[in-house]
């Protein structure tokens, strides 16, 4: 019996110690779990902070790009109206040159004039027609350009002449004839450098004629076919204005 009486306290002590050990293990695991959770939370906060910093940097860069794009557009807008085509610039120079020249002595048996090319500059008859247009004498310019086309149907400047005929009619508010001329440039001279401008003015003409859907289609065509041209910039401006 004495041995049994000593066994009971030992059993209680063993159970107690086992319980303490298990409790310590649970506490340890709980502490480890809490430490891991805290680490995850802190890591998440740092990641979120880094994300916000990167988002801020991206926003700054985006704002800078928008600002640069706006500045480029503004510069284009400021300069596009001052950019004349090489042909018309040559024509204006030729007009000024003719006006400043003194009378020449006529040469007998002079050689036949060489046909004008883009390298040699616009023909004299074209220069005369463009001079009338520059002087705002639009009706006379139309007749002069038409005479030039009749006499020089294969000229490198034929597309230009048709385009300026359209410009004259447009300025005189003869929209149907302006539309006809601009269409002719597009259809008869599709590879001419005047085609984007002719399409643009065709769009303007259609808008003035209240043909909004057709005009929109023309502006979209310019942007698609000639995306880097000054005409495309104006076409985008017209579409954005609607």
C-alpha atoms as a PDB file:
ATOM      1  CA  UNK A   1       0.000   0.000   0.000  1.00  0.00           C
ATOM      2  CA  UNK A   2       2.712   2.525   0.790  1.00  0.00           C
ATOM      3  CA  UNK A   3       4.062   2.016  -2.649  1.00  0.00           C
ATOM      4  CA  UNK A   4       0.649   2.811  -4.137  1.00  0.00           C
ATOM      5  CA  UNK A   5       0.384   5.994  -2.127  1.00  0.00           C
ATOM      6  CA  UNK A   6       3.651   7.187  -3.595  1.00  0.00           C
ATOM      7  CA  UNK A   7       2.599   6.257  -7.129  1.00  0.00           C
ATOM      8  CA  UNK A   8      -0.422   8.564  -7.207  1.00  0.00           C
ATOM      9  CA  UNK A   9       1.528  11.798  -6.616  1.00  0.00           C
ATOM     10  CA  UNK A  10       4.001  10.709  -9.226  1.00  0.00           C
ATOM     11  CA  UNK A  11       1.238  10.197 -11.713  1.00  0.00           C
ATOM     12  CA  UNK A  12      -0.226  13.631 -10.956  1.00  0.00           C
ATOM     13  CA  UNK A  13       3.201  15.184 -11.274  1.00  0.00           C
ATOM     14  CA  UNK A  14       3.766  13.443 -14.592  1.00  0.00           C
ATOM     15  CA  UNK A  15       0.416  14.578 -15.940  1.00  0.00           C
ATOM     16  CA  UNK A  16       1.046  18.106 -14.698  1.00  0.00           C
ATOM     17  CA  UNK A  17       4.465  18.262 -16.300  1.00  0.00           C
ATOM     18  CA  UNK A  18       3.086  16.841 -19.541  1.00  0.00           C
ATOM     19  CA  UNK A  19       0.358  19.476 -19.512  1.00  0.00           C
ATOM     20  CA  UNK A  20       2.880  22.223 -18.924  1.00  0.00           C
ATOM     21  CA  UNK A  21       5.055  20.967 -21.756  1.00  0.00           C
ATOM     22  CA  UNK A  22       2.081  20.800 -24.112  1.00  0.00           C
ATOM     23  CA  UNK A  23       0.993  24.264 -23.036  1.00  0.00           C
ATOM     24  CA  UNK A  24       4.505  25.620 -23.582  1.00  0.00           C
ATOM     25  CA  UNK A  25       4.542  24.049 -27.040  1.00  0.00           C
ATOM     26  CA  UNK A  26       1.190  25.624 -27.869  1.00  0.00           C
ATOM     27  CA  UNK A  27       2.349  28.997 -26.635  1.00  0.00           C
ATOM     28  CA  UNK A  28       5.549  28.683 -28.633  1.00  0.00           C
ATOM     29  CA  UNK A  29       3.640  27.773 -31.786  1.00  0.00           C
ATOM     30  CA  UNK A  30       1.176  30.586 -31.191  1.00  0.00           C
ATOM     31  CA  UNK A  31       4.031  33.042 -30.790  1.00  0.00           C
ATOM     32  CA  UNK A  32       5.656  31.724 -33.964  1.00  0.00           C
ATOM     33  CA  UNK A  33       2.348  31.973 -35.822  1.00  0.00           C
ATOM     34  CA  UNK A  34       1.792  35.514 -34.608  1.00  0.00           C
ATOM     35  CA  UNK A  35       5.348  36.396 -35.626  1.00  0.00           C
ATOM     36  CA  UNK A  36       4.740  34.973 -39.097  1.00  0.00           C
ATOM     37  CA  UNK A  37       1.456  36.846 -39.400  1.00  0.00           C
ATOM     38  CA  UNK A  38       3.142  40.048 -38.295  1.00  0.00           C
ATOM     39  CA  UNK A  39       5.913  39.453 -40.846  1.00  0.00           C
ATOM     40  CA  UNK A  40       3.349  38.882 -43.588  1.00  0.00           C
ATOM     41  CA  UNK A  41       1.457  42.034 -42.579  1.00  0.00           C
ATOM     42  CA  UNK A  42       4.625  44.112 -42.549  1.00  0.00           C
ATOM     43  CA  UNK A  43       5.723  42.645 -45.895  1.00  0.00           C
ATOM     44  CA  UNK A  44       2.283  43.389 -47.329  1.00  0.00           C
ATOM     45  CA  UNK A  45       2.467  46.964 -46.081  1.00  0.00           C
ATOM     46  CA  UNK A  46       5.917  47.407 -47.609  1.00  0.00           C
ATOM     47  CA  UNK A  47       4.734  45.901 -50.892  1.00  0.00           C
ATOM     48  CA  UNK A  48       1.708  48.175 -50.883  1.00  0.00           C
ATOM     49  CA  UNK A  49       3.897  51.175 -50.122  1.00  0.00           C
ATOM     50  CA  UNK A  50       6.259  50.226 -52.943  1.00  0.00           C
ATOM     51  CA  UNK A  51       3.302  49.714 -55.242  1.00  0.00           C
ATOM     52  CA  UNK A  52       1.992  53.180 -54.388  1.00  0.00           C
ATOM     53  CA  UNK A  53       5.422  54.675 -54.984  1.00  0.00           C
ATOM     54  CA  UNK A  54       5.670  52.987 -58.386  1.00  0.00           C
ATOM     55  CA  UNK A  55       2.122  54.050 -59.236  1.00  0.00           C
ATOM     56  CA  UNK A  56       3.052  57.603 -58.308  1.00  0.00           C
ATOM     57  CA  UNK A  57       6.142  57.477 -60.517  1.00  0.00           C
ATOM     58  CA  UNK A  58       4.117  56.056 -63.395  1.00  0.00           C
ATOM     59  CA  UNK A  59       1.536  58.807 -62.956  1.00  0.00           C
ATOM     60  CA  UNK A  60       4.265  61.444 -63.007  1.00  0.00           C
ATOM     61  CA  UNK A  61       5.736  59.920 -66.162  1.00  0.00           C
ATOM     62  CA  UNK A  62       2.278  59.712 -67.733  1.00  0.00           C
ATOM     63  CA  UNK A  63       1.635  63.373 -66.896  1.00  0.00           C
ATOM     64  CA  UNK A  64       5.011  64.294 -68.367  1.00  0.00           C
ATOM     65  CA  UNK A  65       4.239  62.367 -71.563  1.00  0.00           C
ATOM     66  CA  UNK A  66       0.853  64.050 -71.837  1.00  0.00           C
ATOM     67  CA  UNK A  67       2.487  67.412 -71.277  1.00  0.00           C
ATOM     68  CA  UNK A  68       5.089  66.676 -73.961  1.00  0.00           C
ATOM     69  CA  UNK A  69       2.395  65.459 -76.356  1.00  0.00           C
ATOM     70  CA  UNK A  70       0.418  68.609 -75.730  1.00  0.00           C
ATOM     71  CA  UNK A  71       3.504  70.742 -76.300  1.00  0.00           C
ATOM     72  CA  UNK A  72       4.279  68.921 -79.550  1.00  0.00           C
ATOM     73  CA  UNK A  73       0.696  69.382 -80.710  1.00  0.00           C
ATOM     74  CA  UNK A  74       0.816  73.068 -79.790  1.00  0.00           C
ATOM     75  CA  UNK A  75       4.041  73.525 -81.743  1.00  0.00           C
ATOM     76  CA  UNK A  76       2.532  71.738 -84.716  1.00  0.00           C
ATOM     77  CA  UNK A  77      -0.563  73.895 -84.501  1.00  0.00           C
ATOM     78  CA  UNK A  78       1.590  77.027 -84.329  1.00  0.00           C
ATOM     79  CA  UNK A  79       3.644  76.030 -87.356  1.00  0.00           C
ATOM     80  CA  UNK A  80       1.329  74.096 -89.645  1.00  0.00           C
ATOM     81  CA  UNK A  81      -0.336  77.211 -91.078  1.00  0.00           C
ATOM     82  CA  UNK A  82       3.087  78.614 -91.950  1.00  0.00           C
ATOM     83  CA  UNK A  83       4.166  75.527 -93.859  1.00  0.00           C
ATOM     84  CA  UNK A  84       3.545  76.021 -97.552  1.00  0.00           C
ATOM     85  CA  UNK A  85       4.237  73.349-100.116  1.00  0.00           C
ATOM     86  CA  UNK A  86       7.486  73.582-102.087  1.00  0.00           C
ATOM     87  CA  UNK A  87       5.596  74.126-105.314  1.00  0.00           C
ATOM     88  CA  UNK A  88       3.639  77.106-104.065  1.00  0.00           C
ATOM     89  CA  UNK A  89       6.753  78.532-102.411  1.00  0.00           C
ATOM     90  CA  UNK A  90       8.568  78.324-105.725  1.00  0.00           C
ATOM     91  CA  UNK A  91       5.606  79.968-107.420  1.00  0.00           C
ATOM     92  CA  UNK A  92       5.615  82.872-104.970  1.00  0.00           C
ATOM     93  CA  UNK A  93       9.369  83.322-105.417  1.00  0.00           C
ATOM     94  CA  UNK A  94       8.951  83.294-109.171  1.00  0.00           C
ATOM     95  CA  UNK A  95       6.191  85.914-108.967  1.00  0.00           C
ATOM     96  CA  UNK A  96       8.356  88.194-106.828  1.00  0.00           C
ATOM     97  CA  UNK A  97      11.291  87.638-109.179  1.00  0.00           C
ATOM     98  CA  UNK A  98       9.201  88.583-112.202  1.00  0.00           C
ATOM     99  CA  UNK A  99       7.939  91.709-110.468  1.00  0.00           C
ATOM    100  CA  UNK A 100      11.472  92.848-109.668  1.00  0.00           C
ATOM    101  CA  UNK A 101      12.975  92.120-113.064  1.00  0.00           C
ATOM    102  CA  UNK A 102      13.797  94.932-115.543  1.00  0.00           C
ATOM    103  CA  UNK A 103      12.566  94.584-119.157  1.00  0.00           C
ATOM    104  CA  UNK A 104      14.696  92.204-121.167  1.00  0.00           C
ATOM    105  CA  UNK A 105      15.979  92.635-124.719  1.00  0.00           C
ATOM    106  CA  UNK A 106      14.216  90.167-126.957  1.00  0.00           C
ATOM    107  CA  UNK A 107      16.574  87.623-128.483  1.00  0.00           C
ATOM    108  CA  UNK A 108      15.957  86.650-132.087  1.00  0.00           C
ATOM    109  CA  UNK A 109      15.889  82.943-132.929  1.00  0.00           C
ATOM    110  CA  UNK A 110      16.069  81.960-129.287  1.00  0.00           C
ATOM    111  CA  UNK A 111      15.801  78.209-128.595  1.00  0.00           C
ATOM    112  CA  UNK A 112      12.451  76.651-127.781  1.00  0.00           C
ATOM    113  CA  UNK A 113      11.649  76.691-124.082  1.00  0.00           C
ATOM    114  CA  UNK A 114      12.283  73.481-122.233  1.00  0.00           C
ATOM    115  CA  UNK A 115       9.257  71.845-120.651  1.00  0.00           C
ATOM    116  CA  UNK A 116       9.163  72.665-116.948  1.00  0.00           C
ATOM    117  CA  UNK A 117       9.729  69.887-114.469  1.00  0.00           C
ATOM    118  CA  UNK A 118       9.616  69.853-110.699  1.00  0.00           C
ATOM    119  CA  UNK A 119      13.359  70.339-110.713  1.00  0.00           C
ATOM    120  CA  UNK A 120      13.193  73.399-112.957  1.00  0.00           C
ATOM    121  CA  UNK A 121      10.241  74.914-111.110  1.00  0.00           C
ATOM    122  CA  UNK A 122       6.599  75.675-111.974  1.00  0.00           C
ATOM    123  CA  UNK A 123       5.736  76.652-115.581  1.00  0.00           C
ATOM    124  CA  UNK A 124       5.175  80.336-116.283  1.00  0.00           C
ATOM    125  CA  UNK A 125       1.465  79.818-116.976  1.00  0.00           C
ATOM    126  CA  UNK A 126       1.040  78.074-113.624  1.00  0.00           C
ATOM    127  CA  UNK A 127       2.916  80.891-111.872  1.00  0.00           C
ATOM    128  CA  UNK A 128       0.575  83.422-113.483  1.00  0.00           C
ATOM    129  CA  UNK A 129      -2.475  81.463-112.283  1.00  0.00           C
ATOM    130  CA  UNK A 130      -1.123  81.131-108.782  1.00  0.00           C
ATOM    131  CA  UNK A 131      -0.347  84.832-108.759  1.00  0.00           C
ATOM    132  CA  UNK A 132      -4.021  85.576-109.440  1.00  0.00           C
ATOM    133  CA  UNK A 133      -5.007  83.263-106.585  1.00  0.00           C
ATOM    134  CA  UNK A 134      -2.509  84.932-104.244  1.00  0.00           C
ATOM    135  CA  UNK A 135      -4.009  88.301-105.167  1.00  0.00           C
ATOM    136  CA  UNK A 136      -7.486  86.997-104.182  1.00  0.00           C
ATOM    137  CA  UNK A 137      -8.649  87.305-107.795  1.00  0.00           C
ATOM    138  CA  UNK A 138     -10.347  83.940-107.541  1.00  0.00           C
ATOM    139  CA  UNK A 139     -12.572  83.938-110.618  1.00  0.00           C
ATOM    140  CA  UNK A 140      -9.682  84.968-112.852  1.00  0.00           C
ATOM    141  CA  UNK A 141      -7.485  82.367-111.141  1.00  0.00           C
ATOM    142  CA  UNK A 142     -10.039  79.640-111.910  1.00  0.00           C
ATOM    143  CA  UNK A 143     -10.067  80.572-115.588  1.00  0.00           C
ATOM    144  CA  UNK A 144      -6.279  80.772-115.683  1.00  0.00           C
ATOM    145  CA  UNK A 145      -5.782  77.394-113.976  1.00  0.00           C
ATOM    146  CA  UNK A 146      -8.334  75.811-116.318  1.00  0.00           C
ATOM    147  CA  UNK A 147      -6.456  77.243-119.304  1.00  0.00           C
ATOM    148  CA  UNK A 148      -3.212  75.857-117.894  1.00  0.00           C
ATOM    149  CA  UNK A 149      -4.774  72.398-117.556  1.00  0.00           C
ATOM    150  CA  UNK A 150      -6.120  72.534-121.099  1.00  0.00           C
ATOM    151  CA  UNK A 151      -2.701  73.429-122.479  1.00  0.00           C
ATOM    152  CA  UNK A 152      -0.710  71.180-120.123  1.00  0.00           C
ATOM    153  CA  UNK A 153      -2.866  68.140-119.260  1.00  0.00           C
ATOM    154  CA  UNK A 154       0.160  65.968-118.437  1.00  0.00           C
ATOM    155  CA  UNK A 155       2.033  68.569-116.397  1.00  0.00           C
ATOM    156  CA  UNK A 156       3.521  67.637-113.055  1.00  0.00           C
ATOM    157  CA  UNK A 157       1.549  70.595-111.718  1.00  0.00           C
ATOM    158  CA  UNK A 158      -1.843  69.465-113.035  1.00  0.00           C
ATOM    159  CA  UNK A 159      -2.957  68.105-109.648  1.00  0.00           C
ATOM    160  CA  UNK A 160      -1.915  71.359-107.989  1.00  0.00           C
ATOM    161  CA  UNK A 161      -3.908  73.367-110.506  1.00  0.00           C
ATOM    162  CA  UNK A 162      -7.058  71.309-109.907  1.00  0.00           C
ATOM    163  CA  UNK A 163      -6.577  71.662-106.145  1.00  0.00           C
ATOM    164  CA  UNK A 164      -6.319  75.459-106.357  1.00  0.00           C
ATOM    165  CA  UNK A 165      -9.390  75.577-108.563  1.00  0.00           C
ATOM    166  CA  UNK A 166     -11.188  73.800-105.721  1.00  0.00           C
ATOM    167  CA  UNK A 167      -9.782  76.306-103.215  1.00  0.00           C
ATOM    168  CA  UNK A 168     -11.067  79.189-105.347  1.00  0.00           C
ATOM    169  CA  UNK A 169     -14.558  77.704-105.562  1.00  0.00           C
ATOM    170  CA  UNK A 170     -14.523  76.964-101.818  1.00  0.00           C
ATOM    171  CA  UNK A 171     -13.570  80.561-101.017  1.00  0.00           C
ATOM    172  CA  UNK A 172     -16.319  81.792-103.338  1.00  0.00           C
ATOM    173  CA  UNK A 173     -18.774  79.455-101.486  1.00  0.00           C
ATOM    174  CA  UNK A 174     -19.478  77.482-104.657  1.00  0.00           C
ATOM    175  CA  UNK A 175     -19.440  74.250-102.678  1.00  0.00           C
ATOM    176  CA  UNK A 176     -20.656  71.883-105.385  1.00  0.00           C
ATOM    177  CA  UNK A 177     -17.831  72.914-107.755  1.00  0.00           C
ATOM    178  CA  UNK A 178     -15.324  72.867-104.903  1.00  0.00           C
ATOM    179  CA  UNK A 179     -16.411  69.307-104.071  1.00  0.00           C
ATOM    180  CA  UNK A 180     -16.022  68.312-107.729  1.00  0.00           C
ATOM    181  CA  UNK A 181     -12.484  69.731-107.918  1.00  0.00           C
ATOM    182  CA  UNK A 182     -11.255  68.159-104.675  1.00  0.00           C
ATOM    183  CA  UNK A 183     -12.739  64.799-105.700  1.00  0.00           C
ATOM    184  CA  UNK A 184     -10.930  65.056-109.030  1.00  0.00           C
ATOM    185  CA  UNK A 185      -7.582  65.483-107.255  1.00  0.00           C
ATOM    186  CA  UNK A 186      -8.256  62.396-105.134  1.00  0.00           C
ATOM    187  CA  UNK A 187      -9.533  60.213-107.971  1.00  0.00           C
ATOM    188  CA  UNK A 188      -7.378  61.337-110.925  1.00  0.00           C
ATOM    189  CA  UNK A 189      -4.144  62.105-109.031  1.00  0.00           C
ATOM    190  CA  UNK A 190      -4.163  59.695-106.055  1.00  0.00           C
ATOM    191  CA  UNK A 191      -0.354  59.718-105.714  1.00  0.00           C
ATOM    192  CA  UNK A 192      -0.046  63.493-105.735  1.00  0.00           C
ATOM    193  CA  UNK A 193       1.298  65.166-102.597  1.00  0.00           C
ATOM    194  CA  UNK A 194      -1.821  67.355-102.797  1.00  0.00           C
ATOM    195  CA  UNK A 195      -4.155  64.398-102.219  1.00  0.00           C
ATOM    196  CA  UNK A 196      -4.192  64.614 -98.366  1.00  0.00           C
ATOM    197  CA  UNK A 197      -4.968  68.356 -98.546  1.00  0.00           C
ATOM    198  CA  UNK A 198      -7.628  67.733-101.178  1.00  0.00           C
ATOM    199  CA  UNK A 199      -9.247  65.105 -98.950  1.00  0.00           C
ATOM    200  CA  UNK A 200      -9.178  67.512 -96.017  1.00  0.00           C
ATOM    201  CA  UNK A 201     -10.840  70.287 -98.005  1.00  0.00           C
ATOM    202  CA  UNK A 202     -13.317  67.753 -99.366  1.00  0.00           C
ATOM    203  CA  UNK A 203     -14.223  66.958 -95.753  1.00  0.00           C
ATOM    204  CA  UNK A 204     -14.629  70.663 -94.983  1.00  0.00           C
ATOM    205  CA  UNK A 205     -16.791  71.076 -98.078  1.00  0.00           C
ATOM    206  CA  UNK A 206     -19.015  68.130 -97.164  1.00  0.00           C
ATOM    207  CA  UNK A 207     -19.392  69.538 -93.642  1.00  0.00           C
ATOM    208  CA  UNK A 208     -20.446  72.887 -95.076  1.00  0.00           C
ATOM    209  CA  UNK A 209     -22.941  71.034 -97.272  1.00  0.00           C
ATOM    210  CA  UNK A 210     -24.401  69.394 -94.108  1.00  0.00           C
ATOM    211  CA  UNK A 211     -23.193  65.936 -95.186  1.00  0.00           C
ATOM    212  CA  UNK A 212     -21.754  65.189 -91.737  1.00  0.00           C
ATOM    213  CA  UNK A 213     -21.464  61.402 -92.036  1.00  0.00           C
ATOM    214  CA  UNK A 214     -19.600  61.600 -95.350  1.00  0.00           C
ATOM    215  CA  UNK A 215     -17.331  64.289 -93.942  1.00  0.00           C
ATOM    216  CA  UNK A 216     -16.537  62.129 -90.906  1.00  0.00           C
ATOM    217  CA  UNK A 217     -15.660  59.233 -93.201  1.00  0.00           C
ATOM    218  CA  UNK A 218     -13.277  61.472 -95.152  1.00  0.00           C
ATOM    219  CA  UNK A 219     -11.541  62.713 -91.983  1.00  0.00           C
ATOM    220  CA  UNK A 220     -11.121  59.135 -90.736  1.00  0.00           C
ATOM    221  CA  UNK A 221      -9.718  58.124 -94.120  1.00  0.00           C
ATOM    222  CA  UNK A 222      -7.086  60.878 -93.906  1.00  0.00           C
ATOM    223  CA  UNK A 223      -6.005  59.760 -90.430  1.00  0.00           C
ATOM    224  CA  UNK A 224      -5.743  56.134 -91.569  1.00  0.00           C
ATOM    225  CA  UNK A 225      -4.061  56.730 -94.937  1.00  0.00           C
ATOM    226  CA  UNK A 226      -1.879  59.735 -94.088  1.00  0.00           C
ATOM    227  CA  UNK A 227      -1.364  59.544 -90.286  1.00  0.00           C
ATOM    228  CA  UNK A 228       1.739  61.760 -90.115  1.00  0.00           C
ATOM    229  CA  UNK A 229       0.564  64.483 -92.502  1.00  0.00           C
ATOM    230  CA  UNK A 230      -0.500  68.002 -91.455  1.00  0.00           C
ATOM    231  CA  UNK A 231      -3.880  67.169 -92.985  1.00  0.00           C
ATOM    232  CA  UNK A 232      -4.285  64.317 -90.474  1.00  0.00           C
ATOM    233  CA  UNK A 233      -3.689  66.734 -87.583  1.00  0.00           C
ATOM    234  CA  UNK A 234      -6.433  69.022 -88.853  1.00  0.00           C
ATOM    235  CA  UNK A 235      -8.720  66.043 -89.487  1.00  0.00           C
ATOM    236  CA  UNK A 236      -8.275  64.893 -85.869  1.00  0.00           C
ATOM    237  CA  UNK A 237      -9.010  68.405 -84.659  1.00  0.00           C
ATOM    238  CA  UNK A 238     -12.222  68.477 -86.703  1.00  0.00           C
ATOM    239  CA  UNK A 239     -13.327  65.061 -85.396  1.00  0.00           C
ATOM    240  CA  UNK A 240     -12.550  66.032 -81.796  1.00  0.00           C
ATOM    241  CA  UNK A 241     -14.535  69.231 -82.221  1.00  0.00           C
ATOM    242  CA  UNK A 242     -17.655  67.207 -82.895  1.00  0.00           C
END
